[in-house]
Amino acid sequence: MTGLWTEVCVTWPTIEMLGAGYNIYVVEDCCGATSPAAQEAALSRMVQAGAVRLTTIAALLEWQRDWKNKEHYGALMSLLKGQAGAYGIGVEYAYTMVHKAPQSALKPQVVARSAH
């Protein structure tokens, strides 16, 4: 679960879905709140109700599921390299040092925009 306001858009649906028997994971760095205190209170409330907190990188890596399945591996690593800060640097390191790939092997694609 993610949402604009953690204390409203995420907390209530999460509590309702937990009550209905769903397993709910809250991607906490993809949520925002009206204050740091509101964010922490909302996350604490959801955890007390049974939700699991995780971050974007953890969610993305769990969605990959089976690391021997290479169908989406390159696209996922490209996304992480360009957007995941220090983890992205680690992806670049792994590609160049472990996989012996050239440093530009995971360069994010740039989509050209047309001028209006």
PDB file of N, CA and C in Angstrom:
ATOM      1  N   MET A   1       0.839  -1.177   0.000  1.00  0.00           N
ATOM      2  CA  MET A   1       0.000   0.000   0.000  1.00  0.00           C
ATOM      3  C   MET A   1       0.882   1.239   0.000  1.00  0.00           C
ATOM      4  N   THR A   2       0.473   2.200  -0.750  1.00  0.00           N
ATOM      5  CA  THR A   2       1.085   3.520  -0.733  1.00  0.00           C
ATOM      6  C   THR A   2      -0.036   4.541  -0.897  1.00  0.00           C
ATOM      7  N   GLY A   3       0.254   5.776  -0.584  1.00  0.00           N
ATOM      8  CA  GLY A   3      -0.758   6.804  -0.766  1.00  0.00           C
ATOM      9  C   GLY A   3      -0.227   8.176  -0.430  1.00  0.00           C
ATOM     10  N   LEU A   4      -0.990   9.164  -0.789  1.00  0.00           N
ATOM     11  CA  LEU A   4      -0.570  10.546  -0.592  1.00  0.00           C
ATOM     12  C   LEU A   4      -0.479  10.908   0.886  1.00  0.00           C
ATOM     13  N   TRP A   5      -1.529  10.685   1.621  1.00  0.00           N
ATOM     14  CA  TRP A   5      -1.508  10.999   3.058  1.00  0.00           C
ATOM     15  C   TRP A   5      -1.578   9.685   3.826  1.00  0.00           C
ATOM     16  N   THR A   6      -0.503   9.350   4.470  1.00  0.00           N
ATOM     17  CA  THR A   6      -0.411   8.073   5.177  1.00  0.00           C
ATOM     18  C   THR A   6      -1.530   7.915   6.199  1.00  0.00           C
ATOM     19  N   GLU A   7      -1.791   8.981   6.950  1.00  0.00           N
ATOM     20  CA  GLU A   7      -2.768   8.874   8.034  1.00  0.00           C
ATOM     21  C   GLU A   7      -4.211   8.760   7.556  1.00  0.00           C
ATOM     22  N   VAL A   8      -4.476   9.006   6.279  1.00  0.00           N
ATOM     23  CA  VAL A   8      -5.836   8.902   5.760  1.00  0.00           C
ATOM     24  C   VAL A   8      -5.907   7.888   4.623  1.00  0.00           C
ATOM     25  N   CYS A   9      -5.181   8.166   3.550  1.00  0.00           N
ATOM     26  CA  CYS A   9      -5.280   7.365   2.324  1.00  0.00           C
ATOM     27  C   CYS A   9      -4.706   5.958   2.462  1.00  0.00           C
ATOM     28  N   VAL A  10      -3.832   5.755   3.422  1.00  0.00           N
ATOM     29  CA  VAL A  10      -3.204   4.447   3.581  1.00  0.00           C
ATOM     30  C   VAL A  10      -3.732   3.727   4.823  1.00  0.00           C
ATOM     31  N   THR A  11      -3.832   4.424   5.938  1.00  0.00           N
ATOM     32  CA  THR A  11      -4.194   3.778   7.201  1.00  0.00           C
ATOM     33  C   THR A  11      -5.574   3.130   7.168  1.00  0.00           C
ATOM     34  N   TRP A  12      -6.601   3.871   6.770  1.00  0.00           N
ATOM     35  CA  TRP A  12      -7.945   3.299   6.815  1.00  0.00           C
ATOM     36  C   TRP A  12      -8.124   2.123   5.868  1.00  0.00           C
ATOM     37  N   PRO A  13      -7.712   2.228   4.611  1.00  0.00           N
ATOM     38  CA  PRO A  13      -7.842   1.040   3.747  1.00  0.00           C
ATOM     39  C   PRO A  13      -7.026  -0.149   4.263  1.00  0.00           C
ATOM     40  N   THR A  14      -5.843   0.126   4.812  1.00  0.00           N
ATOM     41  CA  THR A  14      -5.007  -0.949   5.343  1.00  0.00           C
ATOM     42  C   THR A  14      -5.706  -1.662   6.487  1.00  0.00           C
ATOM     43  N   ILE A  15      -6.239  -0.915   7.437  1.00  0.00           N
ATOM     44  CA  ILE A  15      -6.931  -1.524   8.571  1.00  0.00           C
ATOM     45  C   ILE A  15      -8.157  -2.311   8.114  1.00  0.00           C
ATOM     46  N   GLU A  16      -8.881  -1.773   7.136  1.00  0.00           N
ATOM     47  CA  GLU A  16     -10.064  -2.482   6.618  1.00  0.00           C
ATOM     48  C   GLU A  16      -9.668  -3.786   5.917  1.00  0.00           C
ATOM     49  N   MET A  17      -8.614  -3.734   5.107  1.00  0.00           N
ATOM     50  CA  MET A  17      -8.181  -4.938   4.391  1.00  0.00           C
ATOM     51  C   MET A  17      -7.582  -5.970   5.336  1.00  0.00           C
ATOM     52  N   LEU A  18      -6.875  -5.512   6.369  1.00  0.00           N
ATOM     53  CA  LEU A  18      -6.381  -6.453   7.373  1.00  0.00           C
ATOM     54  C   LEU A  18      -7.552  -7.152   8.052  1.00  0.00           C
ATOM     55  N   GLY A  19      -8.597  -6.388   8.355  1.00  0.00           N
ATOM     56  CA  GLY A  19      -9.800  -6.957   8.967  1.00  0.00           C
ATOM     57  C   GLY A  19     -10.492  -7.967   8.068  1.00  0.00           C
ATOM     58  N   ALA A  20     -10.330  -7.790   6.756  1.00  0.00           N
ATOM     59  CA  ALA A  20     -10.936  -8.709   5.788  1.00  0.00           C
ATOM     60  C   ALA A  20     -10.041  -9.922   5.521  1.00  0.00           C
ATOM     61  N   GLY A  21      -8.872  -9.970   6.178  1.00  0.00           N
ATOM     62  CA  GLY A  21      -8.014 -11.139   6.057  1.00  0.00           C
ATOM     63  C   GLY A  21      -6.858 -11.027   5.072  1.00  0.00           C
ATOM     64  N   TYR A  22      -6.646  -9.850   4.497  1.00  0.00           N
ATOM     65  CA  TYR A  22      -5.525  -9.676   3.562  1.00  0.00           C
ATOM     66  C   TYR A  22      -4.222  -9.443   4.309  1.00  0.00           C
ATOM     67  N   ASN A  23      -3.116  -9.850   3.706  1.00  0.00           N
ATOM     68  CA  ASN A  23      -1.787  -9.489   4.193  1.00  0.00           C
ATOM     69  C   ASN A  23      -1.443  -8.157   3.531  1.00  0.00           C
ATOM     70  N   ILE A  24      -1.099  -7.159   4.324  1.00  0.00           N
ATOM     71  CA  ILE A  24      -0.849  -5.826   3.784  1.00  0.00           C
ATOM     72  C   ILE A  24       0.575  -5.398   4.095  1.00  0.00           C
ATOM     73  N   TYR A  25       1.248  -4.915   3.064  1.00  0.00           N
ATOM     74  CA  TYR A  25       2.594  -4.365   3.170  1.00  0.00           C
ATOM     75  C   TYR A  25       2.504  -2.882   2.845  1.00  0.00           C
ATOM     76  N   VAL A  26       3.027  -2.050   3.711  1.00  0.00           N
ATOM     77  CA  VAL A  26       3.000  -0.602   3.517  1.00  0.00           C
ATOM     78  C   VAL A  26       4.394  -0.150   3.108  1.00  0.00           C
ATOM     79  N   VAL A  27       4.506   0.397   1.910  1.00  0.00           N
ATOM     80  CA  VAL A  27       5.789   0.882   1.393  1.00  0.00           C
ATOM     81  C   VAL A  27       5.944   2.310   1.932  1.00  0.00           C
ATOM     82  N   GLU A  28       6.607   2.398   3.072  1.00  0.00           N
ATOM     83  CA  GLU A  28       6.581   3.639   3.836  1.00  0.00           C
ATOM     84  C   GLU A  28       7.285   4.816   3.196  1.00  0.00           C
ATOM     85  N   ASP A  29       8.279   4.583   2.354  1.00  0.00           N
ATOM     86  CA  ASP A  29       8.921   5.722   1.705  1.00  0.00           C
ATOM     87  C   ASP A  29       8.220   6.124   0.409  1.00  0.00           C
ATOM     88  N   CYS A  30       7.075   5.515   0.138  1.00  0.00           N
ATOM     89  CA  CYS A  30       6.209   5.943  -0.973  1.00  0.00           C
ATOM     90  C   CYS A  30       4.939   6.584  -0.443  1.00  0.00           C
ATOM     91  N   CYS A  31       4.927   6.911   0.823  1.00  0.00           N
ATOM     92  CA  CYS A  31       3.782   7.558   1.457  1.00  0.00           C
ATOM     93  C   CYS A  31       4.238   8.906   2.012  1.00  0.00           C
ATOM     94  N   GLY A  32       3.307   9.790   2.147  1.00  0.00           N
ATOM     95  CA  GLY A  32       3.615  11.077   2.763  1.00  0.00           C
ATOM     96  C   GLY A  32       2.547  11.400   3.783  1.00  0.00           C
ATOM     97  N   ALA A  33       2.893  12.216   4.726  1.00  0.00           N
ATOM     98  CA  ALA A  33       1.934  12.592   5.765  1.00  0.00           C
ATOM     99  C   ALA A  33       2.034  14.091   6.003  1.00  0.00           C
ATOM    100  N   THR A  34       1.143  14.591   6.821  1.00  0.00           N
ATOM    101  CA  THR A  34       1.122  16.025   7.099  1.00  0.00           C
ATOM    102  C   THR A  34       2.250  16.453   8.013  1.00  0.00           C
ATOM    103  N   SER A  35       2.896  15.491   8.681  1.00  0.00           N
ATOM    104  CA  SER A  35       4.043  15.790   9.544  1.00  0.00           C
ATOM    105  C   SER A  35       4.791  14.488   9.827  1.00  0.00           C
ATOM    106  N   PRO A  36       6.039  14.590  10.269  1.00  0.00           N
ATOM    107  CA  PRO A  36       6.760  13.357  10.657  1.00  0.00           C
ATOM    108  C   PRO A  36       6.034  12.592  11.765  1.00  0.00           C
ATOM    109  N   ALA A  37       5.445  13.306  12.712  1.00  0.00           N
ATOM    110  CA  ALA A  37       4.722  12.635  13.802  1.00  0.00           C
ATOM    111  C   ALA A  37       3.500  11.896  13.263  1.00  0.00           C
ATOM    112  N   ALA A  38       2.795  12.507  12.318  1.00  0.00           N
ATOM    113  CA  ALA A  38       1.622  11.855  11.725  1.00  0.00           C
ATOM    114  C   ALA A  38       2.037  10.605  10.949  1.00  0.00           C
ATOM    115  N   GLN A  39       3.157  10.687  10.250  1.00  0.00           N
ATOM    116  CA  GLN A  39       3.663   9.532   9.499  1.00  0.00           C
ATOM    117  C   GLN A  39       3.977   8.377  10.438  1.00  0.00           C
ATOM    118  N   GLU A  40       4.720   8.666  11.501  1.00  0.00           N
ATOM    119  CA  GLU A  40       5.109   7.603  12.428  1.00  0.00           C
ATOM    120  C   GLU A  40       3.904   7.039  13.172  1.00  0.00           C
ATOM    121  N   ALA A  41       2.971   7.890  13.567  1.00  0.00           N
ATOM    122  CA  ALA A  41       1.770   7.410  14.265  1.00  0.00           C
ATOM    123  C   ALA A  41       0.945   6.498  13.353  1.00  0.00           C
ATOM    124  N   ALA A  42       0.785   6.899  12.102  1.00  0.00           N
ATOM    125  CA  ALA A  42       0.011   6.093  11.158  1.00  0.00           C
ATOM    126  C   ALA A  42       0.690   4.749  10.910  1.00  0.00           C
ATOM    127  N   LEU A  43       2.004   4.766  10.694  1.00  0.00           N
ATOM    128  CA  LEU A  43       2.724   3.517  10.472  1.00  0.00           C
ATOM    129  C   LEU A  43       2.647   2.616  11.697  1.00  0.00           C
ATOM    130  N   SER A  44       2.799   3.190  12.887  1.00  0.00           N
ATOM    131  CA  SER A  44       2.704   2.396  14.122  1.00  0.00           C
ATOM    132  C   SER A  44       1.317   1.779  14.260  1.00  0.00           C
ATOM    133  N   ARG A  45       0.293   2.535  13.942  1.00  0.00           N
ATOM    134  CA  ARG A  45      -1.072   2.023  14.060  1.00  0.00           C
ATOM    135  C   ARG A  45      -1.296   0.853  13.104  1.00  0.00           C
ATOM    136  N   MET A  46      -0.797   0.989  11.881  1.00  0.00           N
ATOM    137  CA  MET A  46      -0.979  -0.092  10.908  1.00  0.00           C
ATOM    138  C   MET A  46      -0.207  -1.344  11.315  1.00  0.00           C
ATOM    139  N   VAL A  47       0.999  -1.173  11.846  1.00  0.00           N
ATOM    140  CA  VAL A  47       1.784  -2.321  12.309  1.00  0.00           C
ATOM    141  C   VAL A  47       1.069  -3.006  13.471  1.00  0.00           C
ATOM    142  N   GLN A  48       0.520  -2.221  14.395  1.00  0.00           N
ATOM    143  CA  GLN A  48      -0.225  -2.808  15.518  1.00  0.00           C
ATOM    144  C   GLN A  48      -1.418  -3.617  15.032  1.00  0.00           C
ATOM    145  N   ALA A  49      -1.990  -3.208  13.886  1.00  0.00           N
ATOM    146  CA  ALA A  49      -3.135  -3.931  13.323  1.00  0.00           C
ATOM    147  C   ALA A  49      -2.699  -5.146  12.497  1.00  0.00           C
ATOM    148  N   GLY A  50      -1.383  -5.263  12.214  1.00  0.00           N
ATOM    149  CA  GLY A  50      -0.887  -6.435  11.507  1.00  0.00           C
ATOM    150  C   GLY A  50      -0.209  -6.170  10.181  1.00  0.00           C
ATOM    151  N   ALA A  51      -0.074  -4.911   9.777  1.00  0.00           N
ATOM    152  CA  ALA A  51       0.605  -4.598   8.516  1.00  0.00           C
ATOM    153  C   ALA A  51       2.117  -4.757   8.674  1.00  0.00           C
ATOM    154  N   VAL A  52       2.787  -4.892   7.549  1.00  0.00           N
ATOM    155  CA  VAL A  52       4.236  -5.014   7.520  1.00  0.00           C
ATOM    156  C   VAL A  52       4.799  -3.774   6.832  1.00  0.00           C
ATOM    157  N   ARG A  53       5.774  -3.135   7.476  1.00  0.00           N
ATOM    158  CA  ARG A  53       6.440  -1.979   6.882  1.00  0.00           C
ATOM    159  C   ARG A  53       7.598  -2.458   6.020  1.00  0.00           C
ATOM    160  N   LEU A  54       7.789  -1.812   4.875  1.00  0.00           N
ATOM    161  CA  LEU A  54       8.953  -2.047   4.056  1.00  0.00           C
ATOM    162  C   LEU A  54       9.213  -0.808   3.212  1.00  0.00           C
ATOM    163  N   THR A  55      10.334  -0.802   2.521  1.00  0.00           N
ATOM    164  CA  THR A  55      10.713   0.336   1.696  1.00  0.00           C
ATOM    165  C   THR A  55      10.611  -0.035   0.220  1.00  0.00           C
ATOM    166  N   THR A  56      10.764   0.959  -0.624  1.00  0.00           N
ATOM    167  CA  THR A  56      10.633   0.763  -2.059  1.00  0.00           C
ATOM    168  C   THR A  56      11.589  -0.299  -2.591  1.00  0.00           C
ATOM    169  N   ILE A  57      12.853  -0.200  -2.223  1.00  0.00           N
ATOM    170  CA  ILE A  57      13.829  -1.164  -2.741  1.00  0.00           C
ATOM    171  C   ILE A  57      13.469  -2.576  -2.297  1.00  0.00           C
ATOM    172  N   ALA A  58      13.085  -2.734  -1.049  1.00  0.00           N
ATOM    173  CA  ALA A  58      12.689  -4.066  -0.572  1.00  0.00           C
ATOM    174  C   ALA A  58      11.498  -4.594  -1.363  1.00  0.00           C
ATOM    175  N   ALA A  59      10.513  -3.743  -1.620  1.00  0.00           N
ATOM    176  CA  ALA A  59       9.335  -4.166  -2.383  1.00  0.00           C
ATOM    177  C   ALA A  59       9.730  -4.589  -3.791  1.00  0.00           C
ATOM    178  N   LEU A  60      10.536  -3.775  -4.460  1.00  0.00           N
ATOM    179  CA  LEU A  60      10.959  -4.104  -5.825  1.00  0.00           C
ATOM    180  C   LEU A  60      11.735  -5.412  -5.876  1.00  0.00           C
ATOM    181  N   LEU A  61      12.630  -5.605  -4.919  1.00  0.00           N
ATOM    182  CA  LEU A  61      13.429  -6.825  -4.920  1.00  0.00           C
ATOM    183  C   LEU A  61      12.581  -8.050  -4.598  1.00  0.00           C
ATOM    184  N   GLU A  62      11.576  -7.895  -3.748  1.00  0.00           N
ATOM    185  CA  GLU A  62      10.680  -9.019  -3.467  1.00  0.00           C
ATOM    186  C   GLU A  62       9.810  -9.343  -4.672  1.00  0.00           C
ATOM    187  N   TRP A  63       9.407  -8.331  -5.435  1.00  0.00           N
ATOM    188  CA  TRP A  63       8.590  -8.585  -6.625  1.00  0.00           C
ATOM    189  C   TRP A  63       9.368  -9.374  -7.669  1.00  0.00           C
ATOM    190  N   GLN A  64      10.693  -9.244  -7.696  1.00  0.00           N
ATOM    191  CA  GLN A  64      11.507 -10.025  -8.630  1.00  0.00           C
ATOM    192  C   GLN A  64      11.321 -11.515  -8.337  1.00  0.00           C
ATOM    193  N   ARG A  65      11.090 -11.827  -7.093  1.00  0.00           N
ATOM    194  CA  ARG A  65      10.823 -13.179  -6.604  1.00  0.00           C
ATOM    195  C   ARG A  65      11.958 -14.167  -6.856  1.00  0.00           C
ATOM    196  N   ASP A  66      12.002 -14.716  -8.041  1.00  0.00           N
ATOM    197  CA  ASP A  66      12.925 -15.788  -8.358  1.00  0.00           C
ATOM    198  C   ASP A  66      14.087 -15.209  -9.161  1.00  0.00           C
ATOM    199  N   TRP A  67      15.256 -15.138  -8.555  1.00  0.00           N
ATOM    200  CA  TRP A  67      16.396 -14.475  -9.184  1.00  0.00           C
ATOM    201  C   TRP A  67      16.989 -15.249 -10.343  1.00  0.00           C
ATOM    202  N   LYS A  68      16.596 -16.504 -10.518  1.00  0.00           N
ATOM    203  CA  LYS A  68      17.060 -17.223 -11.702  1.00  0.00           C
ATOM    204  C   LYS A  68      16.185 -16.892 -12.910  1.00  0.00           C
ATOM    205  N   ASN A  69      15.028 -16.282 -12.686  1.00  0.00           N
ATOM    206  CA  ASN A  69      14.154 -15.831 -13.764  1.00  0.00           C
ATOM    207  C   ASN A  69      14.661 -14.480 -14.257  1.00  0.00           C
ATOM    208  N   LYS A  70      15.249 -14.459 -15.421  1.00  0.00           N
ATOM    209  CA  LYS A  70      15.899 -13.244 -15.937  1.00  0.00           C
ATOM    210  C   LYS A  70      14.976 -12.386 -16.809  1.00  0.00           C
ATOM    211  N   GLU A  71      13.710 -12.775 -16.931  1.00  0.00           N
ATOM    212  CA  GLU A  71      12.797 -12.059 -17.827  1.00  0.00           C
ATOM    213  C   GLU A  71      12.744 -10.555 -17.552  1.00  0.00           C
ATOM    214  N   HIS A  72      12.677 -10.168 -16.284  1.00  0.00           N
ATOM    215  CA  HIS A  72      12.565  -8.754 -15.920  1.00  0.00           C
ATOM    216  C   HIS A  72      13.798  -8.227 -15.197  1.00  0.00           C
ATOM    217  N   TYR A  73      14.799  -9.072 -15.047  1.00  0.00           N
ATOM    218  CA  TYR A  73      15.976  -8.713 -14.264  1.00  0.00           C
ATOM    219  C   TYR A  73      16.666  -7.455 -14.784  1.00  0.00           C
ATOM    220  N   GLY A  74      16.933  -7.390 -16.071  1.00  0.00           N
ATOM    221  CA  GLY A  74      17.635  -6.255 -16.643  1.00  0.00           C
ATOM    222  C   GLY A  74      16.876  -4.955 -16.451  1.00  0.00           C
ATOM    223  N   ALA A  75      15.573  -4.984 -16.682  1.00  0.00           N
ATOM    224  CA  ALA A  75      14.751  -3.781 -16.514  1.00  0.00           C
ATOM    225  C   ALA A  75      14.731  -3.340 -15.048  1.00  0.00           C
ATOM    226  N   LEU A  76      14.612  -4.298 -14.141  1.00  0.00           N
ATOM    227  CA  LEU A  76      14.603  -3.965 -12.721  1.00  0.00           C
ATOM    228  C   LEU A  76      15.941  -3.379 -12.286  1.00  0.00           C
ATOM    229  N   MET A  77      17.033  -3.996 -12.702  1.00  0.00           N
ATOM    230  CA  MET A  77      18.341  -3.492 -12.325  1.00  0.00           C
ATOM    231  C   MET A  77      18.598  -2.109 -12.929  1.00  0.00           C
ATOM    232  N   SER A  78      18.119  -1.877 -14.131  1.00  0.00           N
ATOM    233  CA  SER A  78      18.263  -0.568 -14.759  1.00  0.00           C
ATOM    234  C   SER A  78      17.504   0.491 -13.956  1.00  0.00           C
ATOM    235  N   LEU A  79      16.319   0.160 -13.529  1.00  0.00           N
ATOM    236  CA  LEU A  79      15.522   1.073 -12.703  1.00  0.00           C
ATOM    237  C   LEU A  79      16.240   1.367 -11.392  1.00  0.00           C
ATOM    238  N   LEU A  80      16.727   0.327 -10.743  1.00  0.00           N
ATOM    239  CA  LEU A  80      17.418   0.510  -9.473  1.00  0.00           C
ATOM    240  C   LEU A  80      18.707   1.303  -9.641  1.00  0.00           C
ATOM    241  N   LYS A  81      19.452   1.022 -10.703  1.00  0.00           N
ATOM    242  CA  LYS A  81      20.709   1.735 -10.924  1.00  0.00           C
ATOM    243  C   LYS A  81      20.472   3.234 -11.029  1.00  0.00           C
ATOM    244  N   GLY A  82      19.449   3.617 -11.750  1.00  0.00           N
ATOM    245  CA  GLY A  82      19.184   5.025 -11.978  1.00  0.00           C
ATOM    246  C   GLY A  82      18.452   5.728 -10.856  1.00  0.00           C
ATOM    247  N   GLN A  83      17.736   4.979 -10.001  1.00  0.00           N
ATOM    248  CA  GLN A  83      16.861   5.616  -9.024  1.00  0.00           C
ATOM    249  C   GLN A  83      17.107   5.228  -7.570  1.00  0.00           C
ATOM    250  N   ALA A  84      17.998   4.294  -7.304  1.00  0.00           N
ATOM    251  CA  ALA A  84      18.093   3.747  -5.953  1.00  0.00           C
ATOM    252  C   ALA A  84      19.327   4.199  -5.176  1.00  0.00           C
ATOM    253  N   GLY A  85      19.891   5.323  -5.528  1.00  0.00           N
ATOM    254  CA  GLY A  85      20.994   5.879  -4.756  1.00  0.00           C
ATOM    255  C   GLY A  85      22.146   4.918  -4.564  1.00  0.00           C
ATOM    256  N   ALA A  86      22.538   4.717  -3.304  1.00  0.00           N
ATOM    257  CA  ALA A  86      23.675   3.857  -2.995  1.00  0.00           C
ATOM    258  C   ALA A  86      23.430   2.417  -3.453  1.00  0.00           C
ATOM    259  N   TYR A  87      22.200   1.957  -3.375  1.00  0.00           N
ATOM    260  CA  TYR A  87      21.914   0.600  -3.853  1.00  0.00           C
ATOM    261  C   TYR A  87      22.158   0.522  -5.358  1.00  0.00           C
ATOM    262  N   GLY A  88      21.784   1.568  -6.075  1.00  0.00           N
ATOM    263  CA  GLY A  88      22.034   1.625  -7.507  1.00  0.00           C
ATOM    264  C   GLY A  88      23.515   1.580  -7.835  1.00  0.00           C
ATOM    265  N   ILE A  89      24.321   2.240  -7.018  1.00  0.00           N
ATOM    266  CA  ILE A  89      25.769   2.183  -7.195  1.00  0.00           C
ATOM    267  C   ILE A  89      26.252   0.750  -6.982  1.00  0.00           C
ATOM    268  N   GLY A  90      25.660   0.058  -6.020  1.00  0.00           N
ATOM    269  CA  GLY A  90      25.999  -1.345  -5.785  1.00  0.00           C
ATOM    270  C   GLY A  90      25.637  -2.226  -6.965  1.00  0.00           C
ATOM    271  N   VAL A  91      24.507  -1.921  -7.622  1.00  0.00           N
ATOM    272  CA  VAL A  91      24.105  -2.672  -8.816  1.00  0.00           C
ATOM    273  C   VAL A  91      25.144  -2.471  -9.912  1.00  0.00           C
ATOM    274  N   GLU A  92      25.565  -1.224 -10.111  1.00  0.00           N
ATOM    275  CA  GLU A  92      26.596  -0.925 -11.115  1.00  0.00           C
ATOM    276  C   GLU A  92      27.891  -1.680 -10.791  1.00  0.00           C
ATOM    277  N   TYR A  93      28.270  -1.677  -9.527  1.00  0.00           N
ATOM    278  CA  TYR A  93      29.474  -2.388  -9.100  1.00  0.00           C
ATOM    279  C   TYR A  93      29.357  -3.879  -9.417  1.00  0.00           C
ATOM    280  N   ALA A  94      28.217  -4.471  -9.087  1.00  0.00           N
ATOM    281  CA  ALA A  94      28.032  -5.899  -9.337  1.00  0.00           C
ATOM    282  C   ALA A  94      28.132  -6.215 -10.821  1.00  0.00           C
ATOM    283  N   TYR A  95      27.542  -5.361 -11.641  1.00  0.00           N
ATOM    284  CA  TYR A  95      27.597  -5.605 -13.080  1.00  0.00           C
ATOM    285  C   TYR A  95      29.009  -5.497 -13.627  1.00  0.00           C
ATOM    286  N   THR A  96      29.763  -4.519 -13.151  1.00  0.00           N
ATOM    287  CA  THR A  96      31.101  -4.332 -13.703  1.00  0.00           C
ATOM    288  C   THR A  96      32.126  -5.283 -13.099  1.00  0.00           C
ATOM    289  N   MET A  97      32.018  -5.586 -11.821  1.00  0.00           N
ATOM    290  CA  MET A  97      33.024  -6.398 -11.156  1.00  0.00           C
ATOM    291  C   MET A  97      32.681  -7.887 -11.142  1.00  0.00           C
ATOM    292  N   VAL A  98      31.434  -8.213 -10.881  1.00  0.00           N
ATOM    293  CA  VAL A  98      31.031  -9.618 -10.760  1.00  0.00           C
ATOM    294  C   VAL A  98      30.668 -10.203 -12.118  1.00  0.00           C
ATOM    295  N   HIS A  99      29.847  -9.471 -12.872  1.00  0.00           N
ATOM    296  CA  HIS A  99      29.377  -9.976 -14.159  1.00  0.00           C
ATOM    297  C   HIS A  99      30.291  -9.583 -15.323  1.00  0.00           C
ATOM    298  N   LYS A 100      31.315  -8.784 -15.047  1.00  0.00           N
ATOM    299  CA  LYS A 100      32.280  -8.343 -16.058  1.00  0.00           C
ATOM    300  C   LYS A 100      31.621  -7.598 -17.220  1.00  0.00           C
ATOM    301  N   ALA A 101      30.511  -6.922 -16.945  1.00  0.00           N
ATOM    302  CA  ALA A 101      29.821  -6.150 -17.982  1.00  0.00           C
ATOM    303  C   ALA A 101      30.422  -4.755 -18.061  1.00  0.00           C
ATOM    304  N   PRO A 102      30.353  -4.112 -19.225  1.00  0.00           N
ATOM    305  CA  PRO A 102      30.836  -2.729 -19.308  1.00  0.00           C
ATOM    306  C   PRO A 102      29.992  -1.821 -18.420  1.00  0.00           C
ATOM    307  N   GLN A 103      30.586  -0.757 -17.938  1.00  0.00           N
ATOM    308  CA  GLN A 103      29.910   0.114 -16.990  1.00  0.00           C
ATOM    309  C   GLN A 103      28.599   0.671 -17.525  1.00  0.00           C
ATOM    310  N   SER A 104      28.461   0.863 -18.804  1.00  0.00           N
ATOM    311  CA  SER A 104      27.249   1.440 -19.371  1.00  0.00           C
ATOM    312  C   SER A 104      26.158   0.411 -19.645  1.00  0.00           C
ATOM    313  N   ALA A 105      26.365  -0.834 -19.242  1.00  0.00           N
ATOM    314  CA  ALA A 105      25.409  -1.897 -19.556  1.00  0.00           C
ATOM    315  C   ALA A 105      24.020  -1.637 -18.997  1.00  0.00           C
ATOM    316  N   LEU A 106      23.923  -0.902 -17.922  1.00  0.00           N
ATOM    317  CA  LEU A 106      22.620  -0.640 -17.315  1.00  0.00           C
ATOM    318  C   LEU A 106      22.218   0.822 -17.403  1.00  0.00           C
ATOM    319  N   LYS A 107      22.764   1.546 -18.329  1.00  0.00           N
ATOM    320  CA  LYS A 107      22.446   2.969 -18.434  1.00  0.00           C
ATOM    321  C   LYS A 107      20.941   3.143 -18.632  1.00  0.00           C
ATOM    322  N   PRO A 108      20.282   3.951 -17.800  1.00  0.00           N
ATOM    323  CA  PRO A 108      18.837   4.158 -17.949  1.00  0.00           C
ATOM    324  C   PRO A 108      18.515   4.759 -19.310  1.00  0.00           C
ATOM    325  N   GLN A 109      17.414   4.336 -19.884  1.00  0.00           N
ATOM    326  CA  GLN A 109      16.996   4.864 -21.166  1.00  0.00           C
ATOM    327  C   GLN A 109      16.383   6.245 -20.987  1.00  0.00           C
ATOM    328  N   VAL A 110      16.702   7.144 -21.897  1.00  0.00           N
ATOM    329  CA  VAL A 110      16.137   8.484 -21.869  1.00  0.00           C
ATOM    330  C   VAL A 110      15.110   8.560 -22.978  1.00  0.00           C
ATOM    331  N   VAL A 111      13.902   8.978 -22.625  1.00  0.00           N
ATOM    332  CA  VAL A 111      12.838   9.111 -23.600  1.00  0.00           C
ATOM    333  C   VAL A 111      12.782  10.556 -24.052  1.00  0.00           C
ATOM    334  N   ALA A 112      12.911  10.783 -25.344  1.00  0.00           N
ATOM    335  CA  ALA A 112      12.875  12.140 -25.861  1.00  0.00           C
ATOM    336  C   ALA A 112      11.459  12.673 -25.846  1.00  0.00           C
ATOM    337  N   ARG A 113      11.318  13.922 -25.457  1.00  0.00           N
ATOM    338  CA  ARG A 113      10.001  14.563 -25.441  1.00  0.00           C
ATOM    339  C   ARG A 113       9.887  15.449 -26.674  1.00  0.00           C
ATOM    340  N   SER A 114       8.712  15.449 -27.233  1.00  0.00           N
ATOM    341  CA  SER A 114       8.495  16.319 -28.391  1.00  0.00           C
ATOM    342  C   SER A 114       8.129  17.715 -27.918  1.00  0.00           C
ATOM    343  N   ALA A 115       8.596  18.703 -28.643  1.00  0.00           N
ATOM    344  CA  ALA A 115       8.277  20.088 -28.311  1.00  0.00           C
ATOM    345  C   ALA A 115       6.896  20.438 -28.842  1.00  0.00           C
ATOM    346  N   HIS A 116       6.126  21.130 -28.021  1.00  0.00           N
ATOM    347  CA  HIS A 116       4.769  21.519 -28.442  1.00  0.00           C
ATOM    348  C   HIS A 116       4.751  22.956 -28.862  1.00  0.00           C
TER     349      HIS A 116
END
